Amino acid sequence: MLTTTLCAALSAGGLGIAMMTAYRRRFLAATRIAAASLLPVGLAMAGLVTLGRKVGTATADWAADLVFKPTVWLGFGVLAVAALLYGVTRLISARLPEGGAAERGPAAVRGGAAAPAIAANRPAAASGRRSRGSDSGLSEFADVEEILKRRGI
């Protein structure tokens, strides 16, 4: 209740200043001041002032817990381990050969000799990077790319 009253008082004061500015025939500046003056009462009516207070209180409580609770530090440790594991898997997958069994997944490994036979029957142009590019959905833009190359763009 007090917050709403304070916001209404701020808006009323700002609108008074806007009226005085308009009296001096500075209408553009008066309109800007009026727009800024309506913000406090609009925020209060929308409930965003109390939301901001709750967010501020929650942030302060979290910061106090960060300093005083060891479980919060353990939580950050778990997050660090998760990020480390993710990074390690990205590094390992980047170093594997393109047709490696780990990239194809467990279904290709169970297939045994059938998987290399399929790869051997593909034409040379479809292997390597070309097949990856077509899998990503960029093959639709091949015509556009060709037109742009002809025009020198």
C-alpha atoms as a PDB file:
ATOM      1  CA  MET A   1       0.000   0.000   0.000  1.00  0.00           C
ATOM      2  CA  LEU A   2       2.782   2.395   0.887  1.00  0.00           C
ATOM      3  CA  THR A   3       4.631   1.478  -2.307  1.00  0.00           C
ATOM      4  CA  THR A   4       1.608   2.294  -4.452  1.00  0.00           C
ATOM      5  CA  THR A   5       1.158   5.636  -2.683  1.00  0.00           C
ATOM      6  CA  LEU A   6       4.810   6.510  -3.186  1.00  0.00           C
ATOM      7  CA  CYS A   7       4.624   5.588  -6.883  1.00  0.00           C
ATOM      8  CA  ALA A   8       1.463   7.671  -7.322  1.00  0.00           C
ATOM      9  CA  ALA A   9       3.133  10.652  -5.624  1.00  0.00           C
ATOM     10  CA  LEU A  10       6.175  10.328  -7.900  1.00  0.00           C
ATOM     11  CA  SER A  11       3.931  10.221 -10.960  1.00  0.00           C
ATOM     12  CA  ALA A  12       1.908  13.228  -9.807  1.00  0.00           C
ATOM     13  CA  GLY A  13       5.068  15.247  -9.196  1.00  0.00           C
ATOM     14  CA  GLY A  14       6.444  14.295 -12.596  1.00  0.00           C
ATOM     15  CA  LEU A  15       3.198  15.219 -14.325  1.00  0.00           C
ATOM     16  CA  GLY A  16       3.279  18.584 -12.545  1.00  0.00           C
ATOM     17  CA  ILE A  17       6.765  19.214 -13.874  1.00  0.00           C
ATOM     18  CA  ALA A  18       5.588  18.151 -17.339  1.00  0.00           C
ATOM     19  CA  MET A  19       2.727  20.659 -17.178  1.00  0.00           C
ATOM     20  CA  MET A  20       5.105  23.449 -16.176  1.00  0.00           C
ATOM     21  CA  THR A  21       7.382  22.504 -19.061  1.00  0.00           C
ATOM     22  CA  ALA A  22       4.433  22.535 -21.471  1.00  0.00           C
ATOM     23  CA  TYR A  23       3.432  25.982 -20.144  1.00  0.00           C
ATOM     24  CA  ARG A  24       6.865  27.185 -21.303  1.00  0.00           C
ATOM     25  CA  ARG A  25       5.982  25.889 -24.781  1.00  0.00           C
ATOM     26  CA  ARG A  26       8.508  23.050 -24.717  1.00  0.00           C
ATOM     27  CA  PHE A  27       5.966  20.435 -25.753  1.00  0.00           C
ATOM     28  CA  LEU A  28       8.401  17.746 -26.863  1.00  0.00           C
ATOM     29  CA  ALA A  29      10.287  17.854 -23.571  1.00  0.00           C
ATOM     30  CA  ALA A  30       6.987  17.976 -21.654  1.00  0.00           C
ATOM     31  CA  THR A  31       5.781  14.852 -23.432  1.00  0.00           C
ATOM     32  CA  ARG A  32       8.993  13.010 -22.571  1.00  0.00           C
ATOM     33  CA  ILE A  33       8.721  14.036 -18.925  1.00  0.00           C
ATOM     34  CA  ALA A  34       5.071  12.929 -18.831  1.00  0.00           C
ATOM     35  CA  ALA A  35       6.024   9.546 -20.293  1.00  0.00           C
ATOM     36  CA  ALA A  36       8.722   9.067 -17.670  1.00  0.00           C
ATOM     37  CA  SER A  37       6.329  10.244 -14.953  1.00  0.00           C
ATOM     38  CA  LEU A  38       3.783   7.571 -15.767  1.00  0.00           C
ATOM     39  CA  LEU A  39       6.312   4.763 -15.306  1.00  0.00           C
ATOM     40  CA  PRO A  40       6.161   4.484 -11.476  1.00  0.00           C
ATOM     41  CA  VAL A  41       2.373   4.253 -11.296  1.00  0.00           C
ATOM     42  CA  GLY A  42       2.301   1.858 -14.263  1.00  0.00           C
ATOM     43  CA  LEU A  43       4.880  -0.404 -12.639  1.00  0.00           C
ATOM     44  CA  ALA A  44       2.952  -0.370  -9.377  1.00  0.00           C
ATOM     45  CA  MET A  45      -0.359  -1.148 -11.071  1.00  0.00           C
ATOM     46  CA  ALA A  46       1.194  -4.024 -13.040  1.00  0.00           C
ATOM     47  CA  GLY A  47       2.730  -5.493  -9.885  1.00  0.00           C
ATOM     48  CA  LEU A  48       6.270  -5.187 -11.152  1.00  0.00           C
ATOM     49  CA  VAL A  49       7.427  -3.123  -8.165  1.00  0.00           C
ATOM     50  CA  THR A  50       6.582  -5.932  -5.753  1.00  0.00           C
ATOM     51  CA  LEU A  51       8.074  -8.429  -8.186  1.00  0.00           C
ATOM     52  CA  GLY A  52      11.302  -6.439  -8.209  1.00  0.00           C
ATOM     53  CA  ARG A  53      11.307  -6.378  -4.411  1.00  0.00           C
ATOM     54  CA  LYS A  54      10.817 -10.161  -4.296  1.00  0.00           C
ATOM     55  CA  VAL A  55      13.601 -10.723  -6.824  1.00  0.00           C
ATOM     56  CA  GLY A  56      15.920  -8.456  -4.843  1.00  0.00           C
ATOM     57  CA  THR A  57      15.106 -10.255  -1.595  1.00  0.00           C
ATOM     58  CA  ALA A  58      15.592 -13.671  -3.191  1.00  0.00           C
ATOM     59  CA  THR A  59      18.925 -12.579  -4.677  1.00  0.00           C
ATOM     60  CA  ALA A  60      20.104 -11.287  -1.300  1.00  0.00           C
ATOM     61  CA  ASP A  61      19.048 -14.531   0.405  1.00  0.00           C
ATOM     62  CA  TRP A  62      20.870 -16.571  -2.232  1.00  0.00           C
ATOM     63  CA  ALA A  63      24.020 -14.455  -1.814  1.00  0.00           C
ATOM     64  CA  ALA A  64      23.900 -14.954   1.956  1.00  0.00           C
ATOM     65  CA  ASP A  65      23.462 -18.700   1.455  1.00  0.00           C
ATOM     66  CA  LEU A  66      26.350 -18.690  -0.988  1.00  0.00           C
ATOM     67  CA  VAL A  67      28.650 -17.378   1.672  1.00  0.00           C
ATOM     68  CA  PHE A  68      27.387 -19.391   4.624  1.00  0.00           C
ATOM     69  CA  LYS A  69      26.144 -22.766   3.267  1.00  0.00           C
ATOM     70  CA  PRO A  70      28.574 -25.459   2.111  1.00  0.00           C
ATOM     71  CA  THR A  71      25.864 -27.187   0.059  1.00  0.00           C
ATOM     72  CA  VAL A  72      25.802 -24.197  -2.282  1.00  0.00           C
ATOM     73  CA  TRP A  73      29.541 -24.585  -2.840  1.00  0.00           C
ATOM     74  CA  LEU A  74      29.014 -28.302  -3.483  1.00  0.00           C
ATOM     75  CA  GLY A  75      26.330 -27.384  -6.015  1.00  0.00           C
ATOM     76  CA  PHE A  76      28.806 -25.198  -7.872  1.00  0.00           C
ATOM     77  CA  GLY A  77      31.260 -28.100  -7.754  1.00  0.00           C
ATOM     78  CA  VAL A  78      28.691 -30.416  -9.340  1.00  0.00           C
ATOM     79  CA  LEU A  79      28.013 -27.815 -12.054  1.00  0.00           C
ATOM     80  CA  ALA A  80      31.763 -27.540 -12.718  1.00  0.00           C
ATOM     81  CA  VAL A  81      32.092 -31.326 -13.025  1.00  0.00           C
ATOM     82  CA  ALA A  82      29.149 -31.423 -15.447  1.00  0.00           C
ATOM     83  CA  ALA A  83      30.713 -28.683 -17.593  1.00  0.00           C
ATOM     84  CA  LEU A  84      34.072 -30.471 -17.500  1.00  0.00           C
ATOM     85  CA  LEU A  85      32.523 -33.775 -18.593  1.00  0.00           C
ATOM     86  CA  TYR A  86      30.678 -32.063 -21.427  1.00  0.00           C
ATOM     87  CA  GLY A  87      33.855 -30.330 -22.593  1.00  0.00           C
ATOM     88  CA  VAL A  88      35.859 -33.548 -22.473  1.00  0.00           C
ATOM     89  CA  THR A  89      33.280 -35.395 -24.571  1.00  0.00           C
ATOM     90  CA  ARG A  90      33.315 -32.558 -27.128  1.00  0.00           C
ATOM     91  CA  LEU A  91      37.119 -32.755 -27.341  1.00  0.00           C
ATOM     92  CA  ILE A  92      37.086 -36.524 -27.719  1.00  0.00           C
ATOM     93  CA  SER A  93      34.387 -36.487 -30.401  1.00  0.00           C
ATOM     94  CA  ALA A  94      36.325 -33.829 -32.328  1.00  0.00           C
ATOM     95  CA  ARG A  95      39.441 -36.013 -32.395  1.00  0.00           C
ATOM     96  CA  LEU A  96      37.696 -39.172 -33.618  1.00  0.00           C
ATOM     97  CA  PRO A  97      37.833 -39.945 -37.332  1.00  0.00           C
ATOM     98  CA  GLU A  98      34.720 -38.940 -39.282  1.00  0.00           C
ATOM     99  CA  GLY A  99      33.517 -42.501 -39.819  1.00  0.00           C
ATOM    100  CA  GLY A 100      34.433 -43.680 -36.296  1.00  0.00           C
ATOM    101  CA  ALA A 101      32.170 -46.172 -34.574  1.00  0.00           C
ATOM    102  CA  ALA A 102      31.680 -43.879 -31.578  1.00  0.00           C
ATOM    103  CA  GLU A 103      30.131 -41.189 -33.790  1.00  0.00           C
ATOM    104  CA  ARG A 104      27.741 -43.519 -35.558  1.00  0.00           C
ATOM    105  CA  GLY A 105      26.303 -44.787 -32.303  1.00  0.00           C
ATOM    106  CA  PRO A 106      25.639 -48.226 -30.840  1.00  0.00           C
ATOM    107  CA  ALA A 107      23.288 -49.347 -33.651  1.00  0.00           C
ATOM    108  CA  ALA A 108      26.098 -49.163 -36.212  1.00  0.00           C
ATOM    109  CA  VAL A 109      28.480 -51.029 -33.917  1.00  0.00           C
ATOM    110  CA  ARG A 110      25.979 -53.881 -33.475  1.00  0.00           C
ATOM    111  CA  GLY A 111      25.617 -54.109 -37.249  1.00  0.00           C
ATOM    112  CA  GLY A 112      29.130 -55.530 -37.507  1.00  0.00           C
ATOM    113  CA  ALA A 113      30.486 -55.702 -41.057  1.00  0.00           C
ATOM    114  CA  ALA A 114      27.340 -54.241 -42.623  1.00  0.00           C
ATOM    115  CA  ALA A 115      28.206 -50.679 -41.677  1.00  0.00           C
ATOM    116  CA  PRO A 116      31.573 -50.529 -43.522  1.00  0.00           C
ATOM    117  CA  ALA A 117      30.005 -52.183 -46.569  1.00  0.00           C
ATOM    118  CA  ILE A 118      27.420 -49.431 -46.809  1.00  0.00           C
ATOM    119  CA  ALA A 119      30.115 -46.792 -46.515  1.00  0.00           C
ATOM    120  CA  ALA A 120      32.180 -48.491 -49.223  1.00  0.00           C
ATOM    121  CA  ASN A 121      29.258 -48.521 -51.693  1.00  0.00           C
ATOM    122  CA  ARG A 122      28.757 -44.751 -51.529  1.00  0.00           C
ATOM    123  CA  PRO A 123      30.139 -42.638 -54.358  1.00  0.00           C
ATOM    124  CA  ALA A 124      33.269 -40.639 -53.595  1.00  0.00           C
ATOM    125  CA  ALA A 125      31.477 -37.294 -53.917  1.00  0.00           C
ATOM    126  CA  ALA A 126      28.940 -38.233 -51.251  1.00  0.00           C
ATOM    127  CA  SER A 127      31.495 -39.079 -48.599  1.00  0.00           C
ATOM    128  CA  GLY A 128      33.153 -36.754 -46.110  1.00  0.00           C
ATOM    129  CA  ARG A 129      32.018 -33.192 -45.765  1.00  0.00           C
ATOM    130  CA  ARG A 130      29.509 -33.232 -48.619  1.00  0.00           C
ATOM    131  CA  SER A 131      27.309 -35.780 -46.864  1.00  0.00           C
ATOM    132  CA  ARG A 132      27.433 -33.808 -43.645  1.00  0.00           C
ATOM    133  CA  GLY A 133      26.449 -30.601 -45.451  1.00  0.00           C
ATOM    134  CA  SER A 134      23.499 -32.276 -47.133  1.00  0.00           C
ATOM    135  CA  ASP A 135      22.348 -33.752 -43.833  1.00  0.00           C
ATOM    136  CA  SER A 136      22.177 -30.306 -42.260  1.00  0.00           C
ATOM    137  CA  GLY A 137      19.472 -29.126 -44.668  1.00  0.00           C
ATOM    138  CA  LEU A 138      21.752 -26.826 -46.658  1.00  0.00           C
ATOM    139  CA  SER A 139      21.374 -28.781 -49.895  1.00  0.00           C
ATOM    140  CA  GLU A 140      18.291 -26.711 -50.689  1.00  0.00           C
ATOM    141  CA  PHE A 141      20.494 -23.647 -51.034  1.00  0.00           C
ATOM    142  CA  ALA A 142      22.850 -25.164 -53.613  1.00  0.00           C
ATOM    143  CA  ASP A 143      20.980 -23.474 -56.482  1.00  0.00           C
ATOM    144  CA  VAL A 144      21.071 -20.117 -54.745  1.00  0.00           C
ATOM    145  CA  GLU A 145      24.770 -20.519 -54.051  1.00  0.00           C
ATOM    146  CA  GLU A 146      25.421 -21.346 -57.715  1.00  0.00           C
ATOM    147  CA  ILE A 147      23.530 -18.228 -58.891  1.00  0.00           C
ATOM    148  CA  LEU A 148      25.442 -16.036 -56.469  1.00  0.00           C
ATOM    149  CA  LYS A 149      28.767 -17.460 -57.651  1.00  0.00           C
ATOM    150  CA  ARG A 150      27.865 -16.769 -61.280  1.00  0.00           C
ATOM    151  CA  ARG A 151      27.101 -13.161 -60.447  1.00  0.00           C
ATOM    152  CA  GLY A 152      30.311 -12.785 -58.450  1.00  0.00           C
ATOM    153  CA  ILE A 153      28.668 -12.215 -55.118  1.00  0.00           C
END
